Amino acid sequence: MNFEMFLKYLISTNTYMKKAPGIMLRFKFPNNYGASVVKHEGSYGYNEGLFELGILYNDELYYGSPIANDIIGHLKPKNVSSILLQIKGLDDHNEEGD
């Protein structure tokens, strides 16, 4: 995995999860968005060695972003990095009039 440019936004890592052994990385950006990046038995793409990404807002799964409205699976590390960059660039929707 090559997510070095996002290390300062990494808020947790977990290499053993209750569901299935694997890896989970959680990122949080200054715009209140973040991502949960996982690879474990049962995640989308695990059998191919690929990652699954869920977009977070205020530390909760969020399905209303302009990037995706669901979990994104079957991701190579470079695709995860690209999506993390997009998430980092989103405007905090609470600052748009809430």
PDB file of N, CA and C in Angstrom:
ATOM      1  N   MET A   1       0.843  -1.186   0.000  1.00  0.00           N
ATOM      2  CA  MET A   1       0.000   0.000   0.000  1.00  0.00           C
ATOM      3  C   MET A   1       0.877   1.234   0.000  1.00  0.00           C
ATOM      4  N   ASN A   2       0.472   2.211  -0.768  1.00  0.00           N
ATOM      5  CA  ASN A   2       1.243   3.439  -0.826  1.00  0.00           C
ATOM      6  C   ASN A   2       0.314   4.626  -0.584  1.00  0.00           C
ATOM      7  N   PHE A   3      -0.018   4.842   0.673  1.00  0.00           N
ATOM      8  CA  PHE A   3      -0.884   5.947   1.037  1.00  0.00           C
ATOM      9  C   PHE A   3      -0.103   6.979   1.843  1.00  0.00           C
ATOM     10  N   GLU A   4       1.206   7.076   1.599  1.00  0.00           N
ATOM     11  CA  GLU A   4       2.082   7.921   2.410  1.00  0.00           C
ATOM     12  C   GLU A   4       1.657   9.380   2.439  1.00  0.00           C
ATOM     13  N   MET A   5       1.131   9.892   1.334  1.00  0.00           N
ATOM     14  CA  MET A   5       0.741  11.301   1.309  1.00  0.00           C
ATOM     15  C   MET A   5      -0.473  11.584   2.198  1.00  0.00           C
ATOM     16  N   PHE A   6      -1.113  10.531   2.696  1.00  0.00           N
ATOM     17  CA  PHE A   6      -2.288  10.690   3.547  1.00  0.00           C
ATOM     18  C   PHE A   6      -2.028  10.300   5.002  1.00  0.00           C
ATOM     19  N   LEU A   7      -0.781   9.995   5.351  1.00  0.00           N
ATOM     20  CA  LEU A   7      -0.473   9.530   6.706  1.00  0.00           C
ATOM     21  C   LEU A   7      -0.889  10.513   7.795  1.00  0.00           C
ATOM     22  N   LYS A   8      -0.778  11.809   7.537  1.00  0.00           N
ATOM     23  CA  LYS A   8      -1.155  12.758   8.583  1.00  0.00           C
ATOM     24  C   LYS A   8      -2.667  12.798   8.814  1.00  0.00           C
ATOM     25  N   TYR A   9      -3.431  12.191   7.917  1.00  0.00           N
ATOM     26  CA  TYR A   9      -4.885  12.122   8.061  1.00  0.00           C
ATOM     27  C   TYR A   9      -5.349  10.758   8.569  1.00  0.00           C
ATOM     28  N   LEU A  10      -4.418   9.842   8.766  1.00  0.00           N
ATOM     29  CA  LEU A  10      -4.741   8.504   9.251  1.00  0.00           C
ATOM     30  C   LEU A  10      -5.057   8.590  10.739  1.00  0.00           C
ATOM     31  N   ILE A  11      -6.282   8.207  11.109  1.00  0.00           N
ATOM     32  CA  ILE A  11      -6.665   8.322  12.515  1.00  0.00           C
ATOM     33  C   ILE A  11      -6.720   6.978  13.220  1.00  0.00           C
ATOM     34  N   SER A  12      -6.800   5.884  12.464  1.00  0.00           N
ATOM     35  CA  SER A  12      -6.756   4.575  13.114  1.00  0.00           C
ATOM     36  C   SER A  12      -6.414   3.488  12.113  1.00  0.00           C
ATOM     37  N   THR A  13      -5.797   2.461  12.646  1.00  0.00           N
ATOM     38  CA  THR A  13      -5.522   1.260  11.860  1.00  0.00           C
ATOM     39  C   THR A  13      -5.953   0.074  12.709  1.00  0.00           C
ATOM     40  N   ASN A  14      -6.385  -0.936  12.038  1.00  0.00           N
ATOM     41  CA  ASN A  14      -6.807  -2.144  12.725  1.00  0.00           C
ATOM     42  C   ASN A  14      -6.441  -3.311  11.817  1.00  0.00           C
ATOM     43  N   THR A  15      -5.651  -4.239  12.324  1.00  0.00           N
ATOM     44  CA  THR A  15      -5.258  -5.378  11.508  1.00  0.00           C
ATOM     45  C   THR A  15      -6.009  -6.641  11.884  1.00  0.00           C
ATOM     46  N   TYR A  16      -6.899  -6.545  12.833  1.00  0.00           N
ATOM     47  CA  TYR A  16      -7.765  -7.673  13.140  1.00  0.00           C
ATOM     48  C   TYR A  16      -9.140  -7.121  13.470  1.00  0.00           C
ATOM     49  N   MET A  17     -10.102  -7.553  12.724  1.00  0.00           N
ATOM     50  CA  MET A  17     -11.461  -7.076  12.933  1.00  0.00           C
ATOM     51  C   MET A  17     -12.346  -8.246  13.342  1.00  0.00           C
ATOM     52  N   LYS A  18     -13.419  -7.949  14.032  1.00  0.00           N
ATOM     53  CA  LYS A  18     -14.314  -8.993  14.521  1.00  0.00           C
ATOM     54  C   LYS A  18     -14.925  -9.814  13.393  1.00  0.00           C
ATOM     55  N   LYS A  19     -15.302  -9.161  12.296  1.00  0.00           N
ATOM     56  CA  LYS A  19     -15.924  -9.862  11.176  1.00  0.00           C
ATOM     57  C   LYS A  19     -14.988 -10.908  10.585  1.00  0.00           C
ATOM     58  N   ALA A  20     -13.796 -10.476  10.244  1.00  0.00           N
ATOM     59  CA  ALA A  20     -12.827 -11.352   9.584  1.00  0.00           C
ATOM     60  C   ALA A  20     -11.446 -10.714   9.699  1.00  0.00           C
ATOM     61  N   PRO A  21     -10.407 -11.521   9.822  1.00  0.00           N
ATOM     62  CA  PRO A  21      -9.057 -10.953   9.848  1.00  0.00           C
ATOM     63  C   PRO A  21      -8.793 -10.141   8.578  1.00  0.00           C
ATOM     64  N   GLY A  22      -8.150  -9.030   8.742  1.00  0.00           N
ATOM     65  CA  GLY A  22      -7.851  -8.176   7.606  1.00  0.00           C
ATOM     66  C   GLY A  22      -7.254  -6.869   8.082  1.00  0.00           C
ATOM     67  N   ILE A  23      -7.457  -5.843   7.282  1.00  0.00           N
ATOM     68  CA  ILE A  23      -6.923  -4.528   7.609  1.00  0.00           C
ATOM     69  C   ILE A  23      -8.008  -3.482   7.414  1.00  0.00           C
ATOM     70  N   MET A  24      -8.014  -2.491   8.301  1.00  0.00           N
ATOM     71  CA  MET A  24      -8.902  -1.347   8.164  1.00  0.00           C
ATOM     72  C   MET A  24      -8.114  -0.089   8.492  1.00  0.00           C
ATOM     73  N   LEU A  25      -8.170   0.872   7.592  1.00  0.00           N
ATOM     74  CA  LEU A  25      -7.546   2.179   7.784  1.00  0.00           C
ATOM     75  C   LEU A  25      -8.653   3.219   7.778  1.00  0.00           C
ATOM     76  N   ARG A  26      -8.595   4.154   8.716  1.00  0.00           N
ATOM     77  CA  ARG A  26      -9.583   5.241   8.754  1.00  0.00           C
ATOM     78  C   ARG A  26      -8.846   6.566   8.616  1.00  0.00           C
ATOM     79  N   PHE A  27      -9.335   7.348   7.674  1.00  0.00           N
ATOM     80  CA  PHE A  27      -8.759   8.660   7.402  1.00  0.00           C
ATOM     81  C   PHE A  27      -9.796   9.727   7.717  1.00  0.00           C
ATOM     82  N   LYS A  28      -9.323  10.884   8.196  1.00  0.00           N
ATOM     83  CA  LYS A  28     -10.210  12.029   8.414  1.00  0.00           C
ATOM     84  C   LYS A  28      -9.492  13.281   7.940  1.00  0.00           C
ATOM     85  N   PHE A  29     -10.201  14.054   7.110  1.00  0.00           N
ATOM     86  CA  PHE A  29      -9.648  15.261   6.527  1.00  0.00           C
ATOM     87  C   PHE A  29     -10.235  16.497   7.212  1.00  0.00           C
ATOM     88  N   PRO A  30      -9.592  17.664   7.061  1.00  0.00           N
ATOM     89  CA  PRO A  30     -10.079  18.886   7.712  1.00  0.00           C
ATOM     90  C   PRO A  30     -11.498  19.292   7.296  1.00  0.00           C
ATOM     91  N   ASN A  31     -11.980  18.796   6.171  1.00  0.00           N
ATOM     92  CA  ASN A  31     -13.324  19.143   5.689  1.00  0.00           C
ATOM     93  C   ASN A  31     -14.422  18.276   6.320  1.00  0.00           C
ATOM     94  N   ASN A  32     -14.076  17.508   7.345  1.00  0.00           N
ATOM     95  CA  ASN A  32     -14.989  16.604   8.062  1.00  0.00           C
ATOM     96  C   ASN A  32     -15.336  15.334   7.290  1.00  0.00           C
ATOM     97  N   TYR A  33     -14.793  15.187   6.092  1.00  0.00           N
ATOM     98  CA  TYR A  33     -14.943  13.943   5.352  1.00  0.00           C
ATOM     99  C   TYR A  33     -13.792  13.014   5.700  1.00  0.00           C
ATOM    100  N   GLY A  34     -13.965  11.766   5.379  1.00  0.00           N
ATOM    101  CA  GLY A  34     -12.914  10.791   5.598  1.00  0.00           C
ATOM    102  C   GLY A  34     -13.228   9.539   4.821  1.00  0.00           C
ATOM    103  N   ALA A  35     -12.511   8.479   5.147  1.00  0.00           N
ATOM    104  CA  ALA A  35     -12.729   7.209   4.453  1.00  0.00           C
ATOM    105  C   ALA A  35     -12.335   6.059   5.353  1.00  0.00           C
ATOM    106  N   SER A  36     -13.043   4.989   5.166  1.00  0.00           N
ATOM    107  CA  SER A  36     -12.697   3.710   5.772  1.00  0.00           C
ATOM    108  C   SER A  36     -12.239   2.827   4.622  1.00  0.00           C
ATOM    109  N   VAL A  37     -11.006   2.393   4.686  1.00  0.00           N
ATOM    110  CA  VAL A  37     -10.429   1.562   3.636  1.00  0.00           C
ATOM    111  C   VAL A  37     -10.162   0.188   4.246  1.00  0.00           C
ATOM    112  N   VAL A  38     -10.770  -0.836   3.674  1.00  0.00           N
ATOM    113  CA  VAL A  38     -10.647  -2.176   4.240  1.00  0.00           C
ATOM    114  C   VAL A  38     -10.253  -3.201   3.192  1.00  0.00           C
ATOM    115  N   LYS A  39      -9.641  -4.254   3.688  1.00  0.00           N
ATOM    116  CA  LYS A  39      -9.396  -5.457   2.889  1.00  0.00           C
ATOM    117  C   LYS A  39      -9.494  -6.619   3.867  1.00  0.00           C
ATOM    118  N   HIS A  40     -10.577  -7.350   3.796  1.00  0.00           N
ATOM    119  CA  HIS A  40     -10.787  -8.515   4.656  1.00  0.00           C
ATOM    120  C   HIS A  40     -11.694  -9.490   3.917  1.00  0.00           C
ATOM    121  N   GLU A  41     -11.687 -10.717   4.372  1.00  0.00           N
ATOM    122  CA  GLU A  41     -12.549 -11.714   3.755  1.00  0.00           C
ATOM    123  C   GLU A  41     -13.986 -11.209   3.826  1.00  0.00           C
ATOM    124  N   GLY A  42     -14.612 -11.122   2.692  1.00  0.00           N
ATOM    125  CA  GLY A  42     -15.969 -10.595   2.633  1.00  0.00           C
ATOM    126  C   GLY A  42     -16.041  -9.188   2.059  1.00  0.00           C
ATOM    127  N   SER A  43     -14.929  -8.463   2.021  1.00  0.00           N
ATOM    128  CA  SER A  43     -14.960  -7.128   1.418  1.00  0.00           C
ATOM    129  C   SER A  43     -14.922  -7.266  -0.101  1.00  0.00           C
ATOM    130  N   TYR A  44     -15.461  -6.255  -0.776  1.00  0.00           N
ATOM    131  CA  TYR A  44     -15.528  -6.268  -2.234  1.00  0.00           C
ATOM    132  C   TYR A  44     -14.124  -6.213  -2.832  1.00  0.00           C
ATOM    133  N   GLY A  45     -13.688  -7.306  -3.430  1.00  0.00           N
ATOM    134  CA  GLY A  45     -12.383  -7.371  -4.070  1.00  0.00           C
ATOM    135  C   GLY A  45     -11.338  -8.134  -3.283  1.00  0.00           C
ATOM    136  N   TYR A  46     -11.687  -8.610  -2.099  1.00  0.00           N
ATOM    137  CA  TYR A  46     -10.716  -9.306  -1.256  1.00  0.00           C
ATOM    138  C   TYR A  46     -10.056 -10.474  -1.976  1.00  0.00           C
ATOM    139  N   ASN A  47     -10.829 -11.261  -2.683  1.00  0.00           N
ATOM    140  CA  ASN A  47     -10.271 -12.442  -3.364  1.00  0.00           C
ATOM    141  C   ASN A  47      -9.244 -12.081  -4.421  1.00  0.00           C
ATOM    142  N   GLU A  48      -9.282 -10.841  -4.899  1.00  0.00           N
ATOM    143  CA  GLU A  48      -8.297 -10.376  -5.882  1.00  0.00           C
ATOM    144  C   GLU A  48      -7.198  -9.538  -5.223  1.00  0.00           C
ATOM    145  N   GLY A  49      -7.217  -9.446  -3.890  1.00  0.00           N
ATOM    146  CA  GLY A  49      -6.221  -8.644  -3.175  1.00  0.00           C
ATOM    147  C   GLY A  49      -6.489  -7.156  -3.263  1.00  0.00           C
ATOM    148  N   LEU A  50      -7.742  -6.776  -3.502  1.00  0.00           N
ATOM    149  CA  LEU A  50      -8.108  -5.380  -3.696  1.00  0.00           C
ATOM    150  C   LEU A  50      -8.818  -4.814  -2.472  1.00  0.00           C
ATOM    151  N   PHE A  51      -9.016  -3.523  -2.469  1.00  0.00           N
ATOM    152  CA  PHE A  51      -9.572  -2.801  -1.326  1.00  0.00           C
ATOM    153  C   PHE A  51     -11.019  -2.388  -1.561  1.00  0.00           C
ATOM    154  N   GLU A  52     -11.658  -2.079  -0.441  1.00  0.00           N
ATOM    155  CA  GLU A  52     -13.008  -1.529  -0.426  1.00  0.00           C
ATOM    156  C   GLU A  52     -12.932  -0.214   0.336  1.00  0.00           C
ATOM    157  N   LEU A  53     -13.662   0.805  -0.122  1.00  0.00           N
ATOM    158  CA  LEU A  53     -13.612   2.125   0.496  1.00  0.00           C
ATOM    159  C   LEU A  53     -15.024   2.619   0.762  1.00  0.00           C
ATOM    160  N   GLY A  54     -15.240   3.103   1.973  1.00  0.00           N
ATOM    161  CA  GLY A  54     -16.482   3.769   2.330  1.00  0.00           C
ATOM    162  C   GLY A  54     -16.184   5.209   2.673  1.00  0.00           C
ATOM    163  N   ILE A  55     -16.973   6.118   2.139  1.00  0.00           N
ATOM    164  CA  ILE A  55     -16.792   7.539   2.427  1.00  0.00           C
ATOM    165  C   ILE A  55     -17.459   7.855   3.760  1.00  0.00           C
ATOM    166  N   LEU A  56     -16.764   8.616   4.573  1.00  0.00           N
ATOM    167  CA  LEU A  56     -17.266   9.010   5.892  1.00  0.00           C
ATOM    168  C   LEU A  56     -17.517  10.509   5.923  1.00  0.00           C
ATOM    169  N   TYR A  57     -18.483  10.908   6.725  1.00  0.00           N
ATOM    170  CA  TYR A  57     -18.670  12.319   7.045  1.00  0.00           C
ATOM    171  C   TYR A  57     -18.945  12.380   8.538  1.00  0.00           C
ATOM    172  N   ASN A  58     -18.181  13.182   9.250  1.00  0.00           N
ATOM    173  CA  ASN A  58     -18.260  13.232  10.713  1.00  0.00           C
ATOM    174  C   ASN A  58     -18.165  11.830  11.309  1.00  0.00           C
ATOM    175  N   ASP A  59     -17.248  11.042  10.772  1.00  0.00           N
ATOM    176  CA  ASP A  59     -16.916   9.704  11.267  1.00  0.00           C
ATOM    177  C   ASP A  59     -18.016   8.655  11.068  1.00  0.00           C
ATOM    178  N   GLU A  60     -19.011   8.943  10.250  1.00  0.00           N
ATOM    179  CA  GLU A  60     -20.070   7.986   9.933  1.00  0.00           C
ATOM    180  C   GLU A  60     -20.085   7.716   8.440  1.00  0.00           C
ATOM    181  N   LEU A  61     -20.456   6.485   8.056  1.00  0.00           N
ATOM    182  CA  LEU A  61     -20.603   6.207   6.632  1.00  0.00           C
ATOM    183  C   LEU A  61     -21.574   7.208   6.030  1.00  0.00           C
ATOM    184  N   TYR A  62     -21.217   7.715   4.849  1.00  0.00           N
ATOM    185  CA  TYR A  62     -21.988   8.782   4.214  1.00  0.00           C
ATOM    186  C   TYR A  62     -22.250   8.409   2.767  1.00  0.00           C
ATOM    187  N   TYR A  63     -23.515   8.395   2.389  1.00  0.00           N
ATOM    188  CA  TYR A  63     -23.903   7.958   1.051  1.00  0.00           C
ATOM    189  C   TYR A  63     -24.363   9.109   0.166  1.00  0.00           C
ATOM    190  N   GLY A  64     -24.111  10.348   0.564  1.00  0.00           N
ATOM    191  CA  GLY A  64     -24.572  11.488  -0.209  1.00  0.00           C
ATOM    192  C   GLY A  64     -23.473  12.331  -0.818  1.00  0.00           C
ATOM    193  N   SER A  65     -22.278  11.794  -0.940  1.00  0.00           N
ATOM    194  CA  SER A  65     -21.177  12.593  -1.495  1.00  0.00           C
ATOM    195  C   SER A  65     -21.270  12.622  -3.017  1.00  0.00           C
ATOM    196  N   PRO A  66     -20.658  13.629  -3.641  1.00  0.00           N
ATOM    197  CA  PRO A  66     -20.636  13.660  -5.105  1.00  0.00           C
ATOM    198  C   PRO A  66     -19.704  12.607  -5.715  1.00  0.00           C
ATOM    199  N   ILE A  67     -18.922  11.946  -4.890  1.00  0.00           N
ATOM    200  CA  ILE A  67     -17.976  10.938  -5.391  1.00  0.00           C
ATOM    201  C   ILE A  67     -18.658   9.588  -5.563  1.00  0.00           C
ATOM    202  N   ALA A  68     -19.435   9.193  -4.584  1.00  0.00           N
ATOM    203  CA  ALA A  68     -20.102   7.888  -4.652  1.00  0.00           C
ATOM    204  C   ALA A  68     -21.265   7.871  -3.671  1.00  0.00           C
ATOM    205  N   ASN A  69     -22.292   7.095  -4.008  1.00  0.00           N
ATOM    206  CA  ASN A  69     -23.438   6.970  -3.107  1.00  0.00           C
ATOM    207  C   ASN A  69     -23.521   5.586  -2.482  1.00  0.00           C
ATOM    208  N   ASP A  70     -22.392   4.875  -2.502  1.00  0.00           N
ATOM    209  CA  ASP A  70     -22.337   3.547  -1.903  1.00  0.00           C
ATOM    210  C   ASP A  70     -20.874   3.203  -1.624  1.00  0.00           C
ATOM    211  N   ILE A  71     -20.657   2.041  -1.048  1.00  0.00           N
ATOM    212  CA  ILE A  71     -19.305   1.523  -0.844  1.00  0.00           C
ATOM    213  C   ILE A  71     -18.688   1.281  -2.222  1.00  0.00           C
ATOM    214  N   ILE A  72     -17.395   1.568  -2.346  1.00  0.00           N
ATOM    215  CA  ILE A  72     -16.684   1.356  -3.603  1.00  0.00           C
ATOM    216  C   ILE A  72     -15.731   0.186  -3.398  1.00  0.00           C
ATOM    217  N   GLY A  73     -15.882  -0.855  -4.189  1.00  0.00           N
ATOM    218  CA  GLY A  73     -15.047  -2.036  -4.025  1.00  0.00           C
ATOM    219  C   GLY A  73     -14.124  -2.273  -5.196  1.00  0.00           C
ATOM    220  N   HIS A  74     -13.317  -3.309  -5.066  1.00  0.00           N
ATOM    221  CA  HIS A  74     -12.411  -3.767  -6.131  1.00  0.00           C
ATOM    222  C   HIS A  74     -11.416  -2.677  -6.529  1.00  0.00           C
ATOM    223  N   LEU A  75     -10.811  -2.029  -5.529  1.00  0.00           N
ATOM    224  CA  LEU A  75      -9.900  -0.912  -5.786  1.00  0.00           C
ATOM    225  C   LEU A  75      -8.443  -1.314  -5.614  1.00  0.00           C
ATOM    226  N   LYS A  76      -7.637  -0.952  -6.590  1.00  0.00           N
ATOM    227  CA  LYS A  76      -6.186  -1.068  -6.465  1.00  0.00           C
ATOM    228  C   LYS A  76      -5.712   0.090  -5.582  1.00  0.00           C
ATOM    229  N   PRO A  77      -4.526  -0.049  -4.952  1.00  0.00           N
ATOM    230  CA  PRO A  77      -4.036   1.045  -4.096  1.00  0.00           C
ATOM    231  C   PRO A  77      -4.009   2.406  -4.788  1.00  0.00           C
ATOM    232  N   LYS A  78      -3.642   2.459  -6.059  1.00  0.00           N
ATOM    233  CA  LYS A  78      -3.594   3.749  -6.758  1.00  0.00           C
ATOM    234  C   LYS A  78      -4.990   4.346  -6.897  1.00  0.00           C
ATOM    235  N   ASN A  79      -6.015   3.485  -7.041  1.00  0.00           N
ATOM    236  CA  ASN A  79      -7.385   3.980  -7.105  1.00  0.00           C
ATOM    237  C   ASN A  79      -7.839   4.502  -5.750  1.00  0.00           C
ATOM    238  N   VAL A  80      -7.432   3.821  -4.674  1.00  0.00           N
ATOM    239  CA  VAL A  80      -7.754   4.294  -3.327  1.00  0.00           C
ATOM    240  C   VAL A  80      -7.140   5.675  -3.123  1.00  0.00           C
ATOM    241  N   SER A  81      -5.886   5.843  -3.486  1.00  0.00           N
ATOM    242  CA  SER A  81      -5.209   7.142  -3.340  1.00  0.00           C
ATOM    243  C   SER A  81      -5.934   8.231  -4.117  1.00  0.00           C
ATOM    244  N   SER A  82      -6.364   7.914  -5.316  1.00  0.00           N
ATOM    245  CA  SER A  82      -7.077   8.883  -6.147  1.00  0.00           C
ATOM    246  C   SER A  82      -8.392   9.306  -5.494  1.00  0.00           C
ATOM    247  N   ILE A  83      -9.125   8.353  -4.948  1.00  0.00           N
ATOM    248  CA  ILE A  83     -10.394   8.671  -4.292  1.00  0.00           C
ATOM    249  C   ILE A  83     -10.148   9.444  -3.002  1.00  0.00           C
ATOM    250  N   LEU A  84      -9.118   9.078  -2.243  1.00  0.00           N
ATOM    251  CA  LEU A  84      -8.787   9.834  -1.032  1.00  0.00           C
ATOM    252  C   LEU A  84      -8.491  11.296  -1.369  1.00  0.00           C
ATOM    253  N   LEU A  85      -7.796  11.522  -2.457  1.00  0.00           N
ATOM    254  CA  LEU A  85      -7.488  12.886  -2.891  1.00  0.00           C
ATOM    255  C   LEU A  85      -8.774  13.648  -3.234  1.00  0.00           C
ATOM    256  N   GLN A  86      -9.702  12.967  -3.897  1.00  0.00           N
ATOM    257  CA  GLN A  86     -10.992  13.594  -4.209  1.00  0.00           C
ATOM    258  C   GLN A  86     -11.759  13.930  -2.934  1.00  0.00           C
ATOM    259  N   ILE A  87     -11.773  13.003  -1.984  1.00  0.00           N
ATOM    260  CA  ILE A  87     -12.481  13.224  -0.718  1.00  0.00           C
ATOM    261  C   ILE A  87     -11.864  14.401   0.022  1.00  0.00           C
ATOM    262  N   LYS A  88     -10.542  14.451   0.055  1.00  0.00           N
ATOM    263  CA  LYS A  88      -9.836  15.546   0.733  1.00  0.00           C
ATOM    264  C   LYS A  88     -10.207  16.897   0.130  1.00  0.00           C
ATOM    265  N   GLY A  89     -10.511  16.922  -1.168  1.00  0.00           N
ATOM    266  CA  GLY A  89     -10.831  18.169  -1.861  1.00  0.00           C
ATOM    267  C   GLY A  89     -12.281  18.602  -1.781  1.00  0.00           C
ATOM    268  N   LEU A  90     -13.144  17.794  -1.180  1.00  0.00           N
ATOM    269  CA  LEU A  90     -14.553  18.164  -1.071  1.00  0.00           C
ATOM    270  C   LEU A  90     -14.737  19.342  -0.117  1.00  0.00           C
ATOM    271  N   ASP A  91     -15.738  20.148  -0.401  1.00  0.00           N
ATOM    272  CA  ASP A  91     -16.118  21.212   0.533  1.00  0.00           C
ATOM    273  C   ASP A  91     -16.955  20.596   1.642  1.00  0.00           C
ATOM    274  N   ASP A  92     -16.767  21.078   2.849  1.00  0.00           N
ATOM    275  CA  ASP A  92     -17.578  20.642   3.981  1.00  0.00           C
ATOM    276  C   ASP A  92     -19.001  21.122   3.731  1.00  0.00           C
ATOM    277  N   HIS A  93     -19.925  20.203   3.515  1.00  0.00           N
ATOM    278  CA  HIS A  93     -21.282  20.629   3.157  1.00  0.00           C
ATOM    279  C   HIS A  93     -22.009  21.353   4.285  1.00  0.00           C
ATOM    280  N   ASN A  94     -21.544  21.268   5.509  1.00  0.00           N
ATOM    281  CA  ASN A  94     -22.157  22.045   6.596  1.00  0.00           C
ATOM    282  C   ASN A  94     -21.782  23.514   6.514  1.00  0.00           C
ATOM    283  N   GLU A  95     -20.735  23.837   5.778  1.00  0.00           N
ATOM    284  CA  GLU A  95     -20.333  25.241   5.636  1.00  0.00           C
ATOM    285  C   GLU A  95     -21.025  25.906   4.469  1.00  0.00           C
ATOM    286  N   GLU A  96     -21.852  25.179   3.721  1.00  0.00           N
ATOM    287  CA  GLU A  96     -22.503  25.722   2.540  1.00  0.00           C
ATOM    288  C   GLU A  96     -23.888  26.295   2.834  1.00  0.00           C
ATOM    289  N   GLY A  97     -24.201  26.573   4.070  1.00  0.00           N
ATOM    290  CA  GLY A  97     -25.467  27.180   4.364  1.00  0.00           C
ATOM    291  C   GLY A  97     -26.196  26.553   5.527  1.00  0.00           C
ATOM    292  N   ASP A  98     -25.655  25.525   6.119  1.00  0.00           N
ATOM    293  CA  ASP A  98     -26.288  24.923   7.292  1.00  0.00           C
ATOM    294  C   ASP A  98     -25.980  25.718   8.528  1.00  0.00           C
TER     295      ASP A  98
END
